[in-house]
Protein backbone atom coordinates (compact mmCIF):
# COMPACT_ATOMS: atom_id res chain seq x y z
CA MET A 1 7.35 20.42 -8.98
CA SER A 2 8.64 24.10 -9.81
CA GLN A 3 11.19 24.40 -7.77
CA PHE A 4 13.38 22.10 -10.98
CA LYS A 5 14.33 23.90 -14.13
CA SER A 6 13.06 20.02 -16.01
CA ASP A 7 10.99 16.62 -15.60
CA VAL A 8 14.82 15.21 -15.40
CA GLU A 9 16.06 16.89 -12.81
CA ALA A 10 12.78 15.87 -10.86
CA VAL A 11 13.62 12.77 -11.10
CA ASP A 12 17.12 13.34 -9.50
CA ALA A 13 15.16 14.92 -6.90
CA LEU A 14 12.60 11.99 -6.03
CA ALA A 15 15.88 9.28 -6.22
CA GLN A 16 18.02 11.38 -3.83
CA ALA A 17 14.88 11.75 -1.71
CA TYR A 18 14.43 8.03 -2.16
CA LYS A 19 18.02 7.20 -0.18
CA ASP A 20 17.38 9.74 2.47
CA LEU A 21 14.15 8.04 3.23
CA SER A 22 15.44 4.85 2.73
CA ALA A 23 18.26 5.98 5.50
CA GLU A 24 16.27 7.40 7.82
CA ILE A 25 13.93 4.43 7.97
CA GLY A 26 16.90 2.67 8.79
CA LYS A 27 17.84 3.78 11.21
CA ILE A 28 14.92 2.64 13.48
CA ILE A 29 13.89 -0.28 11.76
CA VAL A 30 16.63 -2.48 10.53
CA GLY A 31 16.72 -5.08 7.37
CA GLN A 32 12.82 -5.07 5.78
CA ASP A 33 14.48 -2.93 2.88
CA GLU A 34 11.76 -5.03 0.17
CA VAL A 35 9.21 -3.76 2.67
CA VAL A 36 10.52 0.12 2.34
CA ARG A 37 10.96 -0.07 -0.88
CA ALA A 38 7.46 -0.96 -1.76
CA VAL A 39 5.39 1.20 1.25
CA ILE A 40 6.98 4.28 -0.72
CA ILE A 41 6.84 3.37 -4.15
CA SER A 42 3.08 2.71 -3.23
CA LEU A 43 2.87 6.10 -1.84
CA PHE A 44 4.37 8.45 -4.51
CA SER A 45 2.29 6.31 -7.22
CA ASN A 46 -1.30 7.71 -4.21
CA GLY A 47 -0.99 3.69 -4.01
CA HIS A 48 -2.55 2.17 -0.70
CA SER A 49 -1.11 -1.19 0.52
CA LEU A 50 -2.18 -4.10 2.66
CA LEU A 51 0.60 -5.28 4.55
CA VAL A 52 0.57 -8.63 5.67
CA GLY A 53 2.23 -10.99 8.17
CA VAL A 54 3.13 -12.84 11.82
CA PRO A 55 2.64 -10.66 14.75
CA GLY A 56 6.00 -8.79 16.06
CA LEU A 57 7.42 -8.47 12.67
CA ALA A 58 7.28 -4.16 13.44
CA LYS A 59 4.72 -3.26 11.27
CA THR A 60 3.04 -0.70 12.95
CA LEU A 61 6.08 0.95 14.19
CA LEU A 62 7.26 0.72 10.27
CA VAL A 63 4.59 2.91 9.68
CA SER A 64 4.62 5.37 12.37
CA THR A 65 8.71 5.59 11.13
CA ILE A 66 7.51 6.40 7.62
CA ALA A 67 5.08 9.27 8.78
CA GLU A 68 7.31 10.99 11.37
CA VAL A 69 9.71 11.10 9.00
CA LEU A 70 7.72 12.14 6.32
CA ASP A 71 6.03 14.89 8.72
CA LEU A 72 2.64 13.21 7.98
CA GLU A 73 -0.74 13.95 10.30
CA PHE A 74 -0.64 9.52 11.20
CA LYS A 75 -3.09 7.98 13.31
CA ARG A 76 -3.82 4.11 14.32
CA ILE A 77 -7.19 2.38 14.27
CA GLN A 78 -7.07 -1.29 15.67
CA PHE A 79 -9.72 -3.10 13.97
CA THR A 80 -12.57 -5.17 16.04
CA PRO A 81 -15.11 -6.87 15.73
CA ASP A 82 -17.18 -4.57 17.74
CA LEU A 83 -15.55 -1.00 15.71
CA MET A 84 -18.90 0.86 13.76
CA PRO A 85 -18.49 2.88 10.14
CA SER A 86 -19.32 6.06 13.20
CA ASP A 87 -15.74 5.02 14.65
CA ILE A 88 -13.43 6.02 11.72
CA THR A 89 -15.22 8.48 9.89
CA GLY A 90 -16.84 10.00 12.96
CA ASN A 91 -19.88 11.47 13.80
CA GLU A 92 -22.40 14.27 14.14
CA ILE A 93 -22.69 15.66 17.97
CA LEU A 94 -24.94 18.03 19.79
CA ASP A 95 -22.84 20.73 20.82
CA GLU A 96 -23.49 23.60 23.25
CA ASP A 97 -25.10 26.25 21.04
CA ARG A 98 -27.68 22.92 20.32
CA LYS A 99 -26.44 22.72 16.77
CA PHE A 100 -24.90 19.47 15.42
CA ARG A 101 -21.24 19.63 14.95
CA PHE A 102 -19.21 16.70 12.78
CA ASN A 103 -16.78 15.10 14.91
CA ARG A 104 -14.31 14.53 12.95
CA GLY A 105 -13.03 10.52 13.55
CA PRO A 106 -9.35 9.42 12.77
CA ILE A 107 -9.78 8.29 9.15
CA PHE A 108 -8.65 12.51 9.12
CA ALA A 109 -5.26 11.96 9.17
CA ASN A 110 -2.51 11.69 6.07
CA ILE A 111 -1.40 8.20 6.88
CA VAL A 112 -4.46 5.59 8.80
CA LEU A 113 -2.86 2.35 9.96
CA ALA A 114 -6.25 0.23 9.95
CA ASP A 115 -4.73 -2.21 12.15
CA GLU A 116 -5.83 -5.43 11.72
CA ILE A 117 -8.37 -4.62 8.48
CA ASN A 118 -9.80 -8.62 9.01
CA ARG A 119 -11.44 -8.22 12.43
CA THR A 120 -13.70 -6.19 12.08
CA PRO A 121 -17.25 -6.65 10.06
CA PRO A 122 -17.50 -6.62 6.84
CA LYS A 123 -20.59 -2.72 7.11
CA THR A 124 -16.52 -0.71 8.67
CA GLN A 125 -14.30 -2.71 6.31
CA ALA A 126 -17.09 -0.54 3.46
CA ALA A 127 -16.62 2.96 5.27
CA LEU A 128 -12.79 1.97 5.13
CA LEU A 129 -13.30 1.54 1.44
CA GLU A 130 -15.53 4.24 0.17
CA ALA A 131 -12.13 7.10 2.00
CA MET A 132 -10.03 4.35 0.42
CA GLN A 133 -11.92 4.69 -3.34
CA GLU A 134 -13.51 8.63 -3.05
CA ARG A 135 -10.77 10.02 -0.39
CA SER A 136 -13.96 11.58 1.44
CA VAL A 137 -16.58 10.24 4.15
CA THR A 138 -20.70 10.90 4.31
CA VAL A 139 -21.86 10.94 6.91
CA SER A 140 -25.75 12.28 7.22
CA GLY A 141 -25.45 13.37 4.07
CA MET A 142 -22.79 15.13 3.61
CA ARG A 143 -19.14 15.50 1.97
CA HIS A 144 -16.33 15.64 4.37
CA VAL A 145 -13.14 15.70 1.86
CA LEU A 146 -9.24 14.14 3.23
CA PRO A 147 -7.14 15.81 3.96
CA VAL A 148 -4.01 15.49 0.70
CA PRO A 149 -2.25 13.36 1.16
CA PHE A 150 -4.21 10.35 2.07
CA PHE A 151 -3.20 6.87 2.55
CA VAL A 152 -4.26 3.78 4.04
CA LEU A 153 -1.72 0.98 5.24
CA ALA A 154 -3.78 -1.86 6.21
CA THR A 155 -2.49 -5.49 8.66
CA GLN A 156 -3.13 -8.65 8.03
CA ASN A 157 -2.54 -11.24 10.34
CA PRO A 158 -2.58 -14.09 8.34
CA ILE A 159 -2.51 -17.42 10.78
CA GLU A 160 -4.92 -16.69 13.13
CA GLN A 161 -8.65 -17.08 11.32
CA GLU A 162 -10.67 -17.56 13.19
CA GLY A 163 -13.09 -14.67 14.11
CA THR A 164 -11.92 -12.95 11.41
CA TYR A 165 -13.66 -11.26 8.57
CA PRO A 166 -11.61 -11.57 5.29
CA LEU A 167 -11.42 -8.45 2.58
CA PRO A 168 -13.58 -8.68 -0.04
CA GLU A 169 -12.31 -9.25 -3.69
CA ALA A 170 -13.21 -5.43 -4.13
CA GLN A 171 -12.16 -4.16 -0.85
CA LEU A 172 -8.40 -6.41 -1.89
CA ASP A 173 -8.73 -4.07 -5.39
CA ARG A 174 -8.33 -1.38 -3.55
CA PHE A 175 -4.58 -1.52 -2.50
CA MET A 176 -2.15 -1.31 -4.74
CA PHE A 177 -0.01 -3.07 -3.15
CA ASN A 178 -0.04 -6.57 -0.75
CA ILE A 179 3.14 -6.55 1.02
CA PRO A 180 4.67 -10.06 2.62
CA LEU A 181 6.63 -9.57 5.42
CA THR A 182 9.27 -11.96 6.57
CA TYR A 183 11.08 -12.82 9.37
CA PRO A 184 13.72 -10.80 9.85
CA SER A 185 17.76 -13.16 9.37
CA TYR A 186 19.74 -13.81 12.94
CA GLU A 187 22.05 -10.95 12.13
CA GLU A 188 19.09 -9.11 12.04
CA GLU A 189 17.14 -9.73 14.98
CA VAL A 190 20.27 -9.34 16.63
CA ALA A 191 20.57 -5.73 15.35
CA VAL A 192 16.92 -5.53 16.23
CA VAL A 193 17.04 -7.43 19.92
CA LYS A 194 20.66 -5.11 20.63
CA ASN A 195 18.97 -1.61 19.90
CA THR A 196 15.34 -2.47 20.90
CA THR A 197 16.56 -3.73 24.53
CA SER A 198 19.10 -0.38 25.06
CA ASN A 199 17.97 3.31 26.72
CA ARG A 200 19.34 4.03 23.35
CA SER A 201 17.56 7.30 21.81
CA VAL A 202 16.94 7.33 17.97
CA GLU A 203 15.56 11.01 16.77
CA LEU A 204 14.57 11.92 13.68
CA LYS A 205 14.55 14.26 10.63
CA HIS A 206 12.08 15.15 8.20
CA ILE A 207 12.47 14.49 4.78
CA LEU A 208 10.07 15.69 3.00
CA SER A 209 6.64 18.04 3.22
CA ALA A 210 3.12 17.39 2.68
CA ALA A 211 3.40 19.46 -0.26
CA ASP A 212 7.11 17.57 -1.69
CA ILE A 213 5.32 14.41 -1.79
CA LEU A 214 1.79 14.93 -3.71
CA GLY A 215 4.77 17.57 -6.65
CA PHE A 216 6.19 14.06 -6.75
CA GLN A 217 3.05 12.32 -7.13
CA GLN A 218 2.41 14.60 -10.36
CA LEU A 219 5.78 13.87 -11.47
CA ILE A 220 5.24 10.37 -11.53
CA ARG A 221 1.46 10.49 -13.55
CA LYS A 222 3.81 12.66 -15.74
CA ILE A 223 6.55 10.36 -16.43
CA PRO A 224 6.83 8.72 -19.86
CA VAL A 225 5.82 4.86 -20.47
CA ALA A 226 6.54 2.93 -24.25
CA ASP A 227 3.87 1.51 -25.73
CA ASN A 228 5.19 -1.88 -25.61
CA VAL A 229 6.16 -1.78 -22.24
CA LEU A 230 2.24 -0.42 -21.17
CA GLU A 231 1.09 -3.70 -23.94
CA TYR A 232 3.57 -5.93 -21.40
CA ALA A 233 2.21 -4.87 -18.08
CA VAL A 234 -1.47 -4.89 -19.80
CA GLY A 235 -0.55 -8.34 -21.45
CA LEU A 236 0.63 -9.75 -18.22
CA ALA A 237 -2.90 -8.91 -15.87
CA SER A 238 -5.14 -10.43 -19.01
CA LYS A 239 -3.04 -13.57 -18.64
CA THR A 240 -3.74 -13.84 -15.17
CA ARG A 241 -7.67 -13.84 -16.55
CA PRO A 242 -9.17 -17.79 -17.31
CA ASN A 243 -10.92 -19.15 -20.44
CA SER A 244 -10.10 -15.52 -22.09
CA LYS A 245 -7.80 -15.79 -25.22
CA TYR A 246 -4.32 -14.38 -24.10
CA ALA A 247 -5.14 -16.79 -20.37
CA THR A 248 -1.99 -18.80 -20.36
CA LYS A 249 -1.92 -23.06 -18.97
CA GLU A 250 -1.23 -22.09 -15.57
CA ALA A 251 -3.91 -19.28 -15.52
CA ASN A 252 -6.69 -22.12 -16.94
CA GLU A 253 -5.31 -24.65 -14.97
CA TYR A 254 -4.89 -23.31 -10.80
CA LEU A 255 -7.16 -20.15 -10.95
CA ALA A 256 -10.67 -18.89 -10.86
CA TRP A 257 -10.51 -15.32 -11.21
CA GLY A 258 -7.79 -13.29 -12.76
CA ALA A 259 -7.06 -9.24 -12.42
CA GLY A 260 -9.17 -6.25 -13.85
CA PRO A 261 -8.40 -3.75 -15.34
CA ARG A 262 -5.84 -1.78 -12.28
CA ALA A 263 -4.33 -4.17 -12.22
CA SER A 264 -2.71 -2.83 -15.18
CA GLN A 265 -2.95 0.41 -14.16
CA TYR A 266 -0.91 -0.29 -10.82
CA LEU A 267 1.61 -2.01 -12.47
CA VAL A 268 2.32 0.86 -15.33
CA LEU A 269 2.26 3.21 -12.25
CA GLY A 270 4.29 1.15 -9.75
CA ALA A 271 7.15 0.96 -12.91
CA LYS A 272 7.05 5.20 -13.18
CA CYS A 273 8.19 4.86 -9.02
CA HIS A 274 10.40 2.31 -9.60
CA ALA A 275 11.58 3.38 -12.18
CA ALA A 276 12.34 7.21 -11.00
CA ILE A 277 13.67 5.77 -7.30
CA ARG A 278 16.34 4.18 -9.59
CA GLY A 279 17.47 7.06 -11.08
CA LYS A 280 16.04 6.89 -14.81
CA SER A 281 13.34 8.91 -16.84
CA SER A 282 11.30 6.07 -18.25
CA PRO A 283 10.08 2.45 -17.51
CA ASP A 284 11.30 -0.48 -18.32
CA MET A 285 9.91 -4.17 -18.41
CA GLU A 286 12.30 -4.96 -15.78
CA ASP A 287 10.26 -2.45 -13.73
CA ILE A 288 6.65 -4.12 -13.69
CA GLN A 289 8.55 -7.40 -12.94
CA ALA A 290 9.61 -6.29 -10.44
CA ILE A 291 6.08 -5.17 -8.63
CA ALA A 292 4.62 -7.79 -11.00
CA SER A 293 3.25 -10.22 -7.88
CA LEU A 294 2.73 -6.77 -5.32
CA VAL A 295 0.12 -5.89 -7.72
CA LEU A 296 -0.96 -9.59 -8.82
CA ARG A 297 -1.01 -11.75 -5.90
CA HIS A 298 -4.47 -10.16 -4.20
CA ARG A 299 -5.87 -10.04 -7.48
CA ILE A 300 -5.43 -13.52 -8.06
CA VAL A 301 -8.13 -15.73 -7.27
CA ARG A 302 -7.30 -19.54 -6.51
CA ASN A 303 -9.20 -22.53 -7.37
CA PHE A 304 -9.64 -25.93 -5.31
CA LYS A 305 -7.05 -27.76 -7.43
CA ALA A 306 -4.33 -25.32 -6.93
CA GLU A 307 -5.10 -25.19 -3.00
CA ALA A 308 -4.79 -28.90 -2.71
CA GLU A 309 -1.36 -29.37 -4.96
CA GLY A 310 -0.44 -26.14 -2.97
CA ILE A 311 0.22 -23.49 -5.72
CA THR A 312 0.68 -20.34 -4.35
CA GLU A 313 0.35 -16.85 -5.51
CA GLU A 314 3.22 -16.36 -6.38
CA ASN A 315 4.21 -19.13 -8.20
CA ILE A 316 1.77 -18.87 -10.67
CA VAL A 317 2.82 -15.13 -10.75
CA GLU A 318 6.63 -16.66 -11.55
CA ALA A 319 5.57 -18.59 -13.77
CA LEU A 320 3.35 -15.68 -15.94
CA LEU A 321 6.77 -13.80 -16.07
């Protein structure tokens, strides 16, 4: 961030950029402030997000709006049972000179929307997994690097489970945040219907470029964290591991599996960004608590007793906090 005299000035610029982004996205997306905040935090933290909600809650519209406001290339992949890995990564074709040429798939974009990711078989999910983790794809033994910034936003419909392929734990762990979408309030729904059933058109401004986002991602990494805050984050993840030294009563009673070290990393990164967008130069425990549910929700596995008693992941995270 060479245009800023100090890191403090850069943090102030990030906080202002967040306000500008939220205001611009708000021209299209009514309500969903928590969801927008979570997506922006994961973007600045260089992480991927999983959006979970029933159909019709503007998940796709939200992602395309964010891509437009950020002036990034956006591609949408509709996941279906017959989707092949090459439909995502691309494939080699024989051109008119009788030479093989790599034809890039839709994964080669800055923001990729993986729509209904649990509708496609594990083989295709694994192709996306490599791209998310390695920031590259391998086709015919050749490695092709993806553009930066690279950001996957996947959506999942929680109500229809027939004909779906639940994401394996390893793939869920690749997502920084699991973001739940809920129905809008009565007033928000009135505003949505009013806006979408008229001839109202909105011009969106580009708030940040790809270079700005990369600069802010580096800034987040540079933000210092006090040892007690770091230890609190690691302690929180450790408490979810049943039958371990630090496990809580709830973890031992209701969890089959706890969160791994990646949860601790994302708790700290997310807390840094949560502090920065509020103009704070360093995160505290409140920042970790604010994003804890987003990070831990999909990294803990309930046991049969928890399912039988109707104990949700949110209940367990709240008990931990």
